Amino acid sequence: MVDPTKPHDVFARTGDSATIQTSSGRYIDLLAPSSGDIAIEDIAHALSHIARFNGHTSEFYSVAQHCVLCSKVNPGFQSAVEVKRADLIMLVSEKRLLFPKNEQDHREWSGVYQSLECLGVEIGEYQVEIEPWPPSKARQLFLETFYALDPR
């Protein structure tokens, strides 16, 4: 793994190549990636450092944590509808817990609520508690969830 306390050239462009170095030390040419270049550990690291909602929440909340919580809401996703259902359920919980309230909430979120109702979900049916995790915990739990769902 690359030592985050030491500077390193994360991005280099030479000719027709645009290469990045991942957290594990691998190099990936973004213009010609190979599946062998990509490791789930690098994906977990990146997602644990990417803020959901572009960081516009009251506390840091990572994409990795969102993925883990979605998998708990609807384990063993069988279809795209179930994935969307879990994402919408999480969106309602995230909105309730991570954003300040305002008087336009109902109008702005009515489309999300209607989508949930179309999928047969009562608005109050799921109340997912969210306590934001530090990136290290989000990375670890993302990997544990990944390996539990895909035990290759």
Protein backbone atom coordinates (compact mmCIF):
# COMPACT_ATOMS: atom_id res chain seq x y z
CA MET A 1 0.00 0.00 0.00
CA VAL A 2 1.21 3.51 -0.79
CA ASP A 3 2.29 5.46 2.30
CA PRO A 4 -0.20 8.38 2.45
CA THR A 5 2.21 10.45 4.54
CA LYS A 6 4.79 10.52 1.73
CA PRO A 7 4.27 12.42 -1.52
CA HIS A 8 3.95 10.33 -4.66
CA ASP A 9 2.93 11.03 -8.23
CA VAL A 10 -0.68 9.85 -8.31
CA PHE A 11 -1.32 11.00 -11.87
CA ALA A 12 1.08 10.96 -14.78
CA ARG A 13 0.36 11.56 -18.45
CA THR A 14 2.76 10.40 -21.11
CA GLY A 15 1.81 10.36 -24.78
CA ASP A 16 -1.43 8.42 -25.15
CA SER A 17 -1.44 7.22 -21.55
CA ALA A 18 -3.11 8.66 -18.44
CA THR A 19 -1.91 6.58 -15.52
CA ILE A 20 -2.79 6.77 -11.84
CA GLN A 21 -1.27 4.96 -8.91
CA THR A 22 -3.86 3.43 -6.61
CA SER A 23 -3.69 3.06 -2.84
CA SER A 24 -2.29 -0.46 -3.21
CA GLY A 25 0.55 0.81 -5.41
CA ARG A 26 -0.87 -0.52 -8.70
CA TYR A 27 -0.71 1.62 -11.82
CA ILE A 28 -3.81 1.89 -14.00
CA ASP A 29 -3.89 3.48 -17.44
CA LEU A 30 -7.24 5.28 -17.40
CA LEU A 31 -7.32 5.39 -21.22
CA ALA A 32 -6.71 1.64 -21.57
CA PRO A 33 -7.59 -0.08 -18.29
CA SER A 34 -7.26 -3.82 -17.87
CA SER A 35 -9.49 -5.81 -15.51
CA GLY A 36 -6.35 -7.28 -13.93
CA ASP A 37 -5.29 -3.78 -12.90
CA ILE A 38 -8.34 -3.23 -10.71
CA ALA A 39 -8.52 -4.57 -7.15
CA ILE A 40 -11.54 -4.50 -4.85
CA GLU A 41 -9.25 -3.18 -2.09
CA ASP A 42 -8.52 -0.09 -4.21
CA ILE A 43 -12.23 0.39 -4.88
CA ALA A 44 -13.00 0.06 -1.17
CA HIS A 45 -10.28 2.58 -0.31
CA ALA A 46 -11.54 5.10 -2.86
CA LEU A 47 -15.24 4.75 -1.94
CA SER A 48 -14.43 5.12 1.76
CA HIS A 49 -12.84 8.50 0.98
CA ILE A 50 -15.55 9.79 -1.38
CA ALA A 51 -18.26 11.79 0.35
CA ARG A 52 -21.85 10.96 -0.52
CA PHE A 53 -23.82 14.01 -1.74
CA ASN A 54 -20.48 15.65 -2.64
CA GLY A 55 -19.89 16.35 1.04
CA HIS A 56 -23.02 18.47 1.54
CA THR A 57 -24.01 16.72 4.77
CA SER A 58 -23.68 17.72 8.39
CA GLU A 59 -20.93 15.08 8.90
CA PHE A 60 -18.65 13.10 6.55
CA TYR A 61 -20.61 10.16 5.15
CA SER A 62 -18.88 7.96 2.60
CA VAL A 63 -20.14 6.19 -0.50
CA ALA A 64 -18.68 2.96 0.96
CA GLN A 65 -20.86 3.29 4.08
CA HIS A 66 -23.91 3.98 1.90
CA CYS A 67 -23.20 0.78 -0.08
CA VAL A 68 -22.83 -1.31 3.08
CA LEU A 69 -26.07 0.06 4.57
CA CYS A 70 -27.95 -0.53 1.29
CA SER A 71 -26.85 -4.17 1.39
CA LYS A 72 -28.30 -4.47 4.92
CA VAL A 73 -31.63 -2.91 3.88
CA ASN A 74 -32.05 -5.39 1.04
CA PRO A 75 -29.58 -8.29 1.32
CA GLY A 76 -28.98 -10.52 -1.70
CA PHE A 77 -30.20 -8.09 -4.36
CA GLN A 78 -32.00 -10.13 -6.99
CA SER A 79 -32.96 -7.41 -9.46
CA ALA A 80 -32.39 -3.81 -10.46
CA VAL A 81 -35.74 -2.94 -8.84
CA GLU A 82 -34.48 -4.23 -5.47
CA VAL A 83 -31.25 -2.23 -5.82
CA LYS A 84 -33.26 0.94 -6.56
CA ARG A 85 -35.64 0.19 -3.69
CA ALA A 86 -32.74 -0.09 -1.21
CA ASP A 87 -31.16 3.08 -2.58
CA LEU A 88 -34.42 5.04 -2.21
CA ILE A 89 -34.98 3.73 1.33
CA MET A 90 -31.46 4.82 2.23
CA LEU A 91 -32.01 8.19 0.56
CA VAL A 92 -35.00 8.90 2.82
CA SER A 93 -33.03 7.90 5.93
CA GLU A 94 -30.01 9.90 4.80
CA LYS A 95 -32.15 12.97 4.18
CA ARG A 96 -33.79 12.65 7.58
CA LEU A 97 -30.54 12.24 9.49
CA LEU A 98 -27.84 14.06 7.56
CA PHE A 99 -29.44 17.21 6.19
CA PRO A 100 -30.95 20.25 7.92
CA LYS A 101 -34.74 20.47 7.75
CA ASN A 102 -36.52 23.16 5.76
CA GLU A 103 -40.10 23.96 4.81
CA GLN A 104 -39.65 22.86 1.18
CA ASP A 105 -38.66 19.31 2.11
CA HIS A 106 -42.02 17.71 1.40
CA ARG A 107 -42.39 19.29 -2.03
CA GLU A 108 -38.78 18.62 -3.06
CA TRP A 109 -38.84 15.01 -1.87
CA SER A 110 -42.34 14.09 -3.07
CA GLY A 111 -40.87 12.35 -6.16
CA VAL A 112 -38.71 10.11 -3.97
CA TYR A 113 -41.70 9.29 -1.75
CA GLN A 114 -43.88 8.52 -4.80
CA SER A 115 -41.16 6.23 -6.18
CA LEU A 116 -41.03 4.35 -2.88
CA GLU A 117 -44.81 3.98 -2.83
CA CYS A 118 -44.70 2.59 -6.40
CA LEU A 119 -42.24 -0.03 -5.13
CA GLY A 120 -44.60 -0.93 -2.28
CA VAL A 121 -42.65 0.75 0.52
CA GLU A 122 -44.39 2.73 3.25
CA ILE A 123 -42.48 5.93 4.02
CA GLY A 124 -42.02 5.03 7.69
CA GLU A 125 -41.44 1.33 7.02
CA TYR A 126 -37.67 1.61 7.18
CA GLN A 127 -35.83 3.89 9.55
CA VAL A 128 -32.17 3.18 9.03
CA GLU A 129 -30.03 4.72 11.76
CA ILE A 130 -26.90 6.31 10.35
CA GLU A 131 -23.88 7.04 12.47
CA PRO A 132 -21.13 8.19 10.09
CA TRP A 133 -18.04 5.99 10.07
CA PRO A 134 -14.42 7.04 9.61
CA PRO A 135 -12.93 5.97 6.25
CA SER A 136 -10.96 3.08 7.80
CA LYS A 137 -14.14 1.50 9.20
CA ALA A 138 -16.10 2.14 5.99
CA ARG A 139 -13.32 0.47 3.96
CA GLN A 140 -13.16 -2.56 6.27
CA LEU A 141 -16.95 -3.09 6.35
CA PHE A 142 -17.25 -2.54 2.59
CA LEU A 143 -14.69 -5.31 1.99
CA GLU A 144 -16.36 -7.64 4.52
CA THR A 145 -19.72 -7.06 2.82
CA PHE A 146 -18.23 -7.57 -0.64
CA TYR A 147 -16.62 -10.89 0.32
CA ALA A 148 -19.79 -12.06 2.06
CA LEU A 149 -21.83 -11.38 -1.09
CA ASP A 150 -19.17 -12.62 -3.55
CA PRO A 151 -17.12 -15.34 -1.82
CA ARG A 152 -14.87 -16.21 -4.82
